[in-house]
Amino acid sequence: MPPSAFINLLLPAAQRVHREHGIPASVTIAQGALESGWGARAPGNNLFGIKADPAWKGKTVDIRTHEYVAGRRVDIVAKFRAYASIDDCIADRARFLKANPRYAPCFREVTGEAWARALQKAGYATDPKYAESLIAVMRGRNMSQYDNLKGKP
């Protein structure tokens, strides 16, 4: 899907999560784009690569992926959360971040770029350049414009 169509698809739910939880819409959209290849790889409507830990009671999907362990890329197969819709995925990600104490510092940030750095520092992804990659996606599509919620219902 073209980036503009992907952004338009995610924008309403991303801005709703921004209003309700304080997670900048730019971060939600950039993470979805980065993690799913602009929607090309989102098995189970999982845009963010959130794994299904033992506490997860919903549907799952097994996905071949990779992680960085001791600085080396390692291929693995892991269980990931599955969702009925993209909106369900975006809402669950917000609940996931809010409920996990390690992400509490993220909620003190107000810009998408600061959020990206805080997510990496909190260990959201094993990629050592995760924040850098998110920020590049945000800047490349001027996503900070989606964080201005003035006048939005």
N, C-alpha and C. Protein backbone atom coordinates (compact mmCIF):
# COMPACT_ATOMS: atom_id res chain seq x y z
N MET A 1 0.85 -1.17 0.00
CA MET A 1 0.00 0.00 0.00
C MET A 1 0.90 1.24 0.00
N PRO A 2 0.52 2.24 -0.76
CA PRO A 2 1.34 3.46 -0.78
C PRO A 2 1.36 4.11 0.61
N PRO A 3 2.47 4.75 0.96
CA PRO A 3 2.56 5.39 2.27
C PRO A 3 1.40 6.34 2.58
N SER A 4 0.96 7.13 1.61
CA SER A 4 -0.12 8.07 1.89
C SER A 4 -1.42 7.34 2.25
N ALA A 5 -1.71 6.23 1.59
CA ALA A 5 -2.91 5.45 1.92
C ALA A 5 -2.77 4.82 3.31
N PHE A 6 -1.58 4.34 3.64
CA PHE A 6 -1.32 3.74 4.95
C PHE A 6 -1.54 4.79 6.05
N ILE A 7 -0.99 5.97 5.84
CA ILE A 7 -1.14 7.05 6.82
C ILE A 7 -2.62 7.38 7.01
N ASN A 8 -3.35 7.52 5.91
CA ASN A 8 -4.78 7.84 5.99
C ASN A 8 -5.57 6.75 6.70
N LEU A 9 -5.16 5.50 6.52
CA LEU A 9 -5.83 4.38 7.18
C LEU A 9 -5.63 4.43 8.70
N LEU A 10 -4.42 4.74 9.13
CA LEU A 10 -4.09 4.74 10.55
C LEU A 10 -4.44 6.03 11.28
N LEU A 11 -4.50 7.13 10.56
CA LEU A 11 -4.60 8.45 11.19
C LEU A 11 -5.76 8.59 12.19
N PRO A 12 -6.99 8.21 11.88
CA PRO A 12 -8.07 8.41 12.88
C PRO A 12 -7.80 7.67 14.19
N ALA A 13 -7.40 6.42 14.12
CA ALA A 13 -7.14 5.64 15.35
C ALA A 13 -5.89 6.17 16.05
N ALA A 14 -4.88 6.58 15.30
CA ALA A 14 -3.65 7.11 15.91
C ALA A 14 -3.94 8.41 16.65
N GLN A 15 -4.77 9.27 16.09
CA GLN A 15 -5.08 10.52 16.78
C GLN A 15 -6.01 10.26 17.98
N ARG A 16 -6.88 9.28 17.89
CA ARG A 16 -7.72 8.92 19.04
C ARG A 16 -6.85 8.45 20.21
N VAL A 17 -5.86 7.60 19.91
CA VAL A 17 -4.93 7.11 20.94
C VAL A 17 -4.10 8.27 21.50
N HIS A 18 -3.76 9.21 20.65
CA HIS A 18 -3.01 10.39 21.11
C HIS A 18 -3.85 11.17 22.12
N ARG A 19 -5.11 11.44 21.78
CA ARG A 19 -6.00 12.18 22.69
C ARG A 19 -6.24 11.42 23.98
N GLU A 20 -6.48 10.12 23.88
CA GLU A 20 -6.88 9.33 25.05
C GLU A 20 -5.72 8.91 25.94
N HIS A 21 -4.54 8.69 25.35
CA HIS A 21 -3.42 8.12 26.11
C HIS A 21 -2.15 8.96 26.10
N GLY A 22 -2.06 9.94 25.19
CA GLY A 22 -0.87 10.77 25.12
C GLY A 22 0.26 10.21 24.29
N ILE A 23 -0.03 9.19 23.49
CA ILE A 23 0.99 8.63 22.59
C ILE A 23 0.89 9.38 21.27
N PRO A 24 1.92 10.13 20.88
CA PRO A 24 1.82 10.93 19.66
C PRO A 24 1.42 10.09 18.44
N ALA A 25 0.51 10.65 17.65
CA ALA A 25 0.05 9.97 16.44
C ALA A 25 1.22 9.66 15.51
N SER A 26 2.21 10.56 15.47
CA SER A 26 3.37 10.35 14.60
C SER A 26 4.11 9.07 14.97
N VAL A 27 4.20 8.78 16.26
CA VAL A 27 4.89 7.57 16.71
C VAL A 27 4.08 6.33 16.31
N THR A 28 2.78 6.37 16.53
CA THR A 28 1.94 5.24 16.18
C THR A 28 2.05 4.92 14.69
N ILE A 29 1.94 5.95 13.87
CA ILE A 29 1.98 5.73 12.41
C ILE A 29 3.37 5.29 11.98
N ALA A 30 4.41 5.93 12.49
CA ALA A 30 5.78 5.57 12.10
C ALA A 30 6.12 4.15 12.54
N GLN A 31 5.72 3.78 13.76
CA GLN A 31 5.98 2.41 14.21
C GLN A 31 5.25 1.40 13.33
N GLY A 32 3.99 1.70 13.04
CA GLY A 32 3.23 0.79 12.17
C GLY A 32 3.89 0.65 10.81
N ALA A 33 4.36 1.77 10.25
CA ALA A 33 5.02 1.75 8.95
C ALA A 33 6.31 0.94 9.00
N LEU A 34 7.14 1.23 10.01
CA LEU A 34 8.44 0.57 10.13
C LEU A 34 8.28 -0.93 10.39
N GLU A 35 7.41 -1.28 11.32
CA GLU A 35 7.26 -2.68 11.72
C GLU A 35 6.57 -3.53 10.66
N SER A 36 5.69 -2.91 9.85
CA SER A 36 4.91 -3.70 8.89
C SER A 36 5.29 -3.44 7.43
N GLY A 37 6.28 -2.60 7.19
CA GLY A 37 6.62 -2.26 5.81
C GLY A 37 5.46 -1.56 5.13
N TRP A 38 4.94 -0.52 5.79
CA TRP A 38 3.79 0.25 5.29
C TRP A 38 2.58 -0.64 5.05
N GLY A 39 2.38 -1.60 5.93
CA GLY A 39 1.21 -2.47 5.87
C GLY A 39 1.39 -3.74 5.05
N ALA A 40 2.56 -3.91 4.43
CA ALA A 40 2.79 -5.09 3.59
C ALA A 40 2.95 -6.37 4.40
N ARG A 41 3.45 -6.23 5.64
CA ARG A 41 3.67 -7.40 6.51
C ARG A 41 2.98 -7.15 7.85
N ALA A 42 1.72 -7.55 7.93
CA ALA A 42 0.98 -7.36 9.18
C ALA A 42 0.09 -8.57 9.42
N PRO A 43 0.70 -9.77 9.55
CA PRO A 43 -0.12 -10.96 9.81
C PRO A 43 -0.95 -10.76 11.08
N GLY A 44 -2.21 -11.13 11.01
CA GLY A 44 -3.09 -10.96 12.16
C GLY A 44 -3.35 -9.50 12.48
N ASN A 45 -3.22 -8.62 11.48
CA ASN A 45 -3.40 -7.17 11.67
C ASN A 45 -2.48 -6.61 12.75
N ASN A 46 -1.35 -7.26 13.01
CA ASN A 46 -0.40 -6.80 14.02
C ASN A 46 0.62 -5.90 13.35
N LEU A 47 0.40 -4.60 13.45
CA LEU A 47 1.28 -3.62 12.81
C LEU A 47 2.56 -3.37 13.58
N PHE A 48 2.57 -3.68 14.89
CA PHE A 48 3.67 -3.22 15.73
C PHE A 48 4.61 -4.32 16.19
N GLY A 49 4.39 -5.53 15.77
CA GLY A 49 5.29 -6.61 16.18
C GLY A 49 5.20 -6.92 17.66
N ILE A 50 4.02 -6.78 18.26
CA ILE A 50 3.87 -7.08 19.68
C ILE A 50 3.72 -8.59 19.84
N LYS A 51 4.63 -9.15 20.59
CA LYS A 51 4.62 -10.60 20.81
C LYS A 51 3.51 -10.99 21.78
N ALA A 52 3.10 -12.24 21.69
CA ALA A 52 2.07 -12.79 22.57
C ALA A 52 2.77 -13.46 23.75
N ASP A 53 2.89 -12.74 24.85
CA ASP A 53 3.49 -13.33 26.05
C ASP A 53 2.44 -14.22 26.73
N PRO A 54 2.81 -14.94 27.78
CA PRO A 54 1.86 -15.84 28.43
C PRO A 54 0.59 -15.15 28.96
N ALA A 55 0.64 -13.85 29.22
CA ALA A 55 -0.53 -13.14 29.71
C ALA A 55 -1.57 -12.88 28.61
N TRP A 56 -1.14 -12.95 27.35
CA TRP A 56 -2.04 -12.67 26.23
C TRP A 56 -3.03 -13.82 26.06
N LYS A 57 -4.33 -13.49 26.08
CA LYS A 57 -5.39 -14.51 25.98
C LYS A 57 -6.08 -14.50 24.62
N GLY A 58 -5.66 -13.62 23.74
CA GLY A 58 -6.29 -13.53 22.42
C GLY A 58 -5.66 -14.48 21.42
N LYS A 59 -6.04 -14.28 20.16
CA LYS A 59 -5.50 -15.09 19.07
C LYS A 59 -4.03 -14.76 18.85
N THR A 60 -3.32 -15.72 18.26
CA THR A 60 -1.90 -15.52 17.97
C THR A 60 -1.60 -15.97 16.54
N VAL A 61 -0.44 -15.59 16.07
CA VAL A 61 0.07 -16.02 14.78
C VAL A 61 1.58 -16.22 14.93
N ASP A 62 2.09 -17.33 14.39
CA ASP A 62 3.53 -17.60 14.42
C ASP A 62 4.18 -16.90 13.23
N ILE A 63 5.25 -16.17 13.50
CA ILE A 63 5.91 -15.39 12.45
C ILE A 63 7.42 -15.61 12.52
N ARG A 64 8.01 -15.83 11.36
CA ARG A 64 9.47 -15.89 11.25
C ARG A 64 9.98 -14.45 11.28
N THR A 65 10.88 -14.18 12.19
CA THR A 65 11.38 -12.81 12.37
C THR A 65 12.85 -12.86 12.80
N HIS A 66 13.36 -11.77 13.30
CA HIS A 66 14.74 -11.73 13.80
C HIS A 66 14.81 -10.81 15.01
N GLU A 67 15.82 -11.04 15.80
CA GLU A 67 16.13 -10.18 16.94
C GLU A 67 17.63 -9.96 16.96
N TYR A 68 18.04 -8.98 17.75
CA TYR A 68 19.46 -8.74 17.94
C TYR A 68 19.84 -9.23 19.34
N VAL A 69 20.74 -10.18 19.38
CA VAL A 69 21.21 -10.75 20.65
C VAL A 69 22.72 -10.54 20.70
N ALA A 70 23.17 -9.85 21.73
CA ALA A 70 24.60 -9.53 21.89
C ALA A 70 25.16 -8.89 20.62
N GLY A 71 24.34 -8.00 20.01
CA GLY A 71 24.79 -7.27 18.83
C GLY A 71 24.72 -8.04 17.53
N ARG A 72 24.25 -9.28 17.57
CA ARG A 72 24.17 -10.10 16.35
C ARG A 72 22.72 -10.37 16.00
N ARG A 73 22.42 -10.32 14.70
CA ARG A 73 21.07 -10.62 14.22
C ARG A 73 20.87 -12.13 14.24
N VAL A 74 19.73 -12.55 14.86
CA VAL A 74 19.40 -13.97 15.00
C VAL A 74 17.99 -14.19 14.46
N ASP A 75 17.82 -15.14 13.55
CA ASP A 75 16.50 -15.47 13.01
C ASP A 75 15.77 -16.39 13.98
N ILE A 76 14.46 -16.11 14.19
CA ILE A 76 13.64 -16.90 15.12
C ILE A 76 12.23 -17.03 14.57
N VAL A 77 11.43 -17.93 15.16
CA VAL A 77 9.99 -17.97 14.94
C VAL A 77 9.37 -17.65 16.29
N ALA A 78 8.46 -16.68 16.31
CA ALA A 78 7.87 -16.24 17.58
C ALA A 78 6.36 -16.11 17.43
N LYS A 79 5.66 -16.19 18.57
CA LYS A 79 4.21 -15.98 18.61
C LYS A 79 3.93 -14.49 18.77
N PHE A 80 3.06 -13.99 17.93
CA PHE A 80 2.67 -12.59 17.98
C PHE A 80 1.16 -12.48 18.18
N ARG A 81 0.74 -11.38 18.75
CA ARG A 81 -0.69 -11.12 18.94
C ARG A 81 -1.37 -10.96 17.58
N ALA A 82 -2.63 -11.40 17.51
CA ALA A 82 -3.43 -11.24 16.30
C ALA A 82 -4.69 -10.47 16.65
N TYR A 83 -5.16 -9.65 15.72
CA TYR A 83 -6.29 -8.75 15.96
C TYR A 83 -7.33 -8.87 14.84
N ALA A 84 -8.56 -8.53 15.19
CA ALA A 84 -9.66 -8.54 14.21
C ALA A 84 -9.54 -7.38 13.23
N SER A 85 -8.92 -6.27 13.67
CA SER A 85 -8.81 -5.09 12.81
C SER A 85 -7.56 -4.28 13.17
N ILE A 86 -7.23 -3.37 12.28
CA ILE A 86 -6.11 -2.44 12.52
C ILE A 86 -6.43 -1.55 13.73
N ASP A 87 -7.67 -1.08 13.83
CA ASP A 87 -8.05 -0.23 14.97
C ASP A 87 -7.88 -0.98 16.29
N ASP A 88 -8.25 -2.27 16.30
CA ASP A 88 -8.07 -3.08 17.52
C ASP A 88 -6.59 -3.17 17.88
N CYS A 89 -5.75 -3.30 16.87
CA CYS A 89 -4.31 -3.38 17.08
C CYS A 89 -3.78 -2.09 17.69
N ILE A 90 -4.18 -0.96 17.14
CA ILE A 90 -3.71 0.33 17.63
C ILE A 90 -4.16 0.56 19.07
N ALA A 91 -5.41 0.21 19.38
CA ALA A 91 -5.92 0.37 20.74
C ALA A 91 -5.19 -0.56 21.72
N ASP A 92 -4.92 -1.80 21.29
CA ASP A 92 -4.23 -2.73 22.18
C ASP A 92 -2.80 -2.27 22.44
N ARG A 93 -2.14 -1.74 21.45
CA ARG A 93 -0.77 -1.25 21.64
C ARG A 93 -0.76 -0.15 22.70
N ALA A 94 -1.75 0.74 22.66
CA ALA A 94 -1.83 1.81 23.66
C ALA A 94 -2.00 1.21 25.06
N ARG A 95 -2.89 0.22 25.20
CA ARG A 95 -3.09 -0.42 26.50
C ARG A 95 -1.82 -1.14 26.95
N PHE A 96 -1.15 -1.81 26.01
CA PHE A 96 0.10 -2.52 26.29
C PHE A 96 1.16 -1.56 26.84
N LEU A 97 1.33 -0.43 26.19
CA LEU A 97 2.34 0.54 26.62
C LEU A 97 1.96 1.15 27.97
N LYS A 98 0.69 1.48 28.15
CA LYS A 98 0.23 2.08 29.41
C LYS A 98 0.38 1.11 30.58
N ALA A 99 0.10 -0.17 30.35
CA ALA A 99 0.09 -1.16 31.43
C ALA A 99 1.49 -1.62 31.83
N ASN A 100 2.48 -1.42 30.98
CA ASN A 100 3.81 -1.93 31.24
C ASN A 100 4.67 -0.83 31.88
N PRO A 101 5.05 -1.01 33.15
CA PRO A 101 5.80 0.03 33.86
C PRO A 101 7.09 0.46 33.17
N ARG A 102 7.70 -0.42 32.41
CA ARG A 102 8.97 -0.03 31.79
C ARG A 102 8.79 1.08 30.75
N TYR A 103 7.54 1.28 30.26
CA TYR A 103 7.28 2.34 29.28
C TYR A 103 6.79 3.63 29.93
N ALA A 104 6.69 3.66 31.26
CA ALA A 104 6.22 4.87 31.96
C ALA A 104 7.01 6.12 31.56
N PRO A 105 8.34 6.05 31.42
CA PRO A 105 9.08 7.26 31.02
C PRO A 105 8.64 7.81 29.66
N CYS A 106 8.14 6.98 28.79
CA CYS A 106 7.68 7.44 27.47
C CYS A 106 6.56 8.47 27.62
N PHE A 107 5.69 8.25 28.61
CA PHE A 107 4.52 9.10 28.78
C PHE A 107 4.85 10.47 29.35
N ARG A 108 6.11 10.69 29.69
CA ARG A 108 6.56 12.02 30.10
C ARG A 108 7.00 12.85 28.88
N GLU A 109 7.10 12.21 27.74
CA GLU A 109 7.54 12.87 26.51
C GLU A 109 6.34 13.43 25.76
N VAL A 110 6.56 14.49 25.00
CA VAL A 110 5.45 15.10 24.26
C VAL A 110 5.63 15.09 22.75
N THR A 111 6.85 14.91 22.27
CA THR A 111 7.07 14.89 20.82
C THR A 111 7.27 13.45 20.34
N GLY A 112 6.99 13.25 19.08
CA GLY A 112 7.19 11.93 18.49
C GLY A 112 8.64 11.48 18.56
N GLU A 113 9.57 12.40 18.29
CA GLU A 113 10.98 12.02 18.31
C GLU A 113 11.44 11.64 19.71
N ALA A 114 10.99 12.38 20.71
CA ALA A 114 11.36 12.05 22.10
C ALA A 114 10.74 10.70 22.49
N TRP A 115 9.53 10.45 22.04
CA TRP A 115 8.88 9.15 22.29
C TRP A 115 9.70 8.02 21.66
N ALA A 116 10.16 8.21 20.45
CA ALA A 116 10.95 7.18 19.76
C ALA A 116 12.20 6.84 20.57
N ARG A 117 12.88 7.85 21.06
CA ARG A 117 14.08 7.61 21.87
C ARG A 117 13.74 6.92 23.18
N ALA A 118 12.64 7.33 23.80
CA ALA A 118 12.23 6.72 25.07
C ALA A 118 11.81 5.26 24.88
N LEU A 119 11.15 4.96 23.76
CA LEU A 119 10.77 3.57 23.48
C LEU A 119 12.00 2.69 23.37
N GLN A 120 13.01 3.18 22.64
CA GLN A 120 14.23 2.39 22.50
C GLN A 120 14.91 2.21 23.85
N LYS A 121 15.00 3.28 24.60
CA LYS A 121 15.65 3.20 25.92
C LYS A 121 14.92 2.21 26.84
N ALA A 122 13.59 2.12 26.69
CA ALA A 122 12.79 1.21 27.52
C ALA A 122 12.87 -0.24 27.03
N GLY A 123 13.53 -0.46 25.89
CA GLY A 123 13.71 -1.82 25.39
C GLY A 123 12.59 -2.32 24.50
N TYR A 124 11.87 -1.41 23.82
CA TYR A 124 10.77 -1.84 22.97
C TYR A 124 11.24 -2.80 21.87
N ALA A 125 12.39 -2.52 21.30
CA ALA A 125 12.92 -3.35 20.21
C ALA A 125 14.38 -3.67 20.48
N THR A 126 14.84 -4.76 19.89
CA THR A 126 16.23 -5.15 20.08
C THR A 126 17.17 -4.47 19.07
N ASP A 127 16.64 -3.86 18.05
CA ASP A 127 17.45 -3.18 17.04
C ASP A 127 18.11 -1.95 17.68
N PRO A 128 19.43 -1.88 17.67
CA PRO A 128 20.12 -0.75 18.31
C PRO A 128 19.86 0.59 17.61
N LYS A 129 19.33 0.56 16.40
CA LYS A 129 19.05 1.80 15.67
C LYS A 129 17.54 2.04 15.53
N TYR A 130 16.75 1.44 16.43
CA TYR A 130 15.30 1.53 16.33
C TYR A 130 14.80 2.97 16.37
N ALA A 131 15.23 3.75 17.34
CA ALA A 131 14.77 5.14 17.45
C ALA A 131 15.17 5.93 16.22
N GLU A 132 16.40 5.74 15.77
CA GLU A 132 16.90 6.41 14.57
C GLU A 132 16.01 6.11 13.37
N SER A 133 15.62 4.85 13.23
CA SER A 133 14.77 4.43 12.10
C SER A 133 13.38 5.05 12.21
N LEU A 134 12.80 5.04 13.41
CA LEU A 134 11.48 5.65 13.60
C LEU A 134 11.51 7.14 13.26
N ILE A 135 12.53 7.81 13.75
CA ILE A 135 12.65 9.25 13.51
C ILE A 135 12.81 9.53 12.02
N ALA A 136 13.55 8.71 11.31
CA ALA A 136 13.71 8.89 9.86
C ALA A 136 12.36 8.75 9.15
N VAL A 137 11.56 7.78 9.56
CA VAL A 137 10.23 7.60 8.95
C VAL A 137 9.37 8.83 9.25
N MET A 138 9.38 9.30 10.51
CA MET A 138 8.58 10.47 10.88
C MET A 138 8.99 11.70 10.07
N ARG A 139 10.28 11.94 10.00
CA ARG A 139 10.76 13.12 9.27
C ARG A 139 10.51 13.00 7.78
N GLY A 140 10.67 11.80 7.24
CA GLY A 140 10.50 11.58 5.80
C GLY A 140 9.09 11.86 5.30
N ARG A 141 8.12 11.74 6.18
CA ARG A 141 6.71 11.98 5.81
C ARG A 141 6.10 13.12 6.62
N ASN A 142 6.94 13.95 7.24
CA ASN A 142 6.48 15.09 8.02
C ASN A 142 5.34 14.70 8.97
N MET A 143 5.55 13.63 9.72
CA MET A 143 4.48 13.10 10.56
C MET A 143 4.19 13.92 11.81
N SER A 144 5.07 14.84 12.16
CA SER A 144 4.79 15.67 13.34
C SER A 144 3.51 16.48 13.15
N GLN A 145 3.13 16.72 11.90
CA GLN A 145 1.89 17.47 11.63
C GLN A 145 0.66 16.76 12.19
N TYR A 146 0.73 15.45 12.35
CA TYR A 146 -0.42 14.68 12.85
C TYR A 146 -0.55 14.74 14.37
N ASP A 147 0.44 15.34 15.02
CA ASP A 147 0.43 15.45 16.47
C ASP A 147 -0.29 16.70 16.96
N ASN A 148 -0.63 17.60 16.06
CA ASN A 148 -1.36 18.81 16.43
C ASN A 148 -2.84 18.46 16.47
N LEU A 149 -3.38 18.31 17.67
CA LEU A 149 -4.76 17.87 17.82
C LEU A 149 -5.75 19.02 18.04
N LYS A 150 -5.27 20.25 17.93
CA LYS A 150 -6.17 21.40 18.12
C LYS A 150 -7.30 21.34 17.09
N GLY A 151 -8.51 21.46 17.59
CA GLY A 151 -9.66 21.46 16.71
C GLY A 151 -10.13 20.08 16.29
N LYS A 152 -9.44 19.04 16.74
CA LYS A 152 -9.85 17.67 16.41
C LYS A 152 -10.85 17.19 17.45
N PRO A 153 -11.91 16.50 17.02
CA PRO A 153 -12.90 16.01 18.01
C PRO A 153 -12.33 14.94 18.89
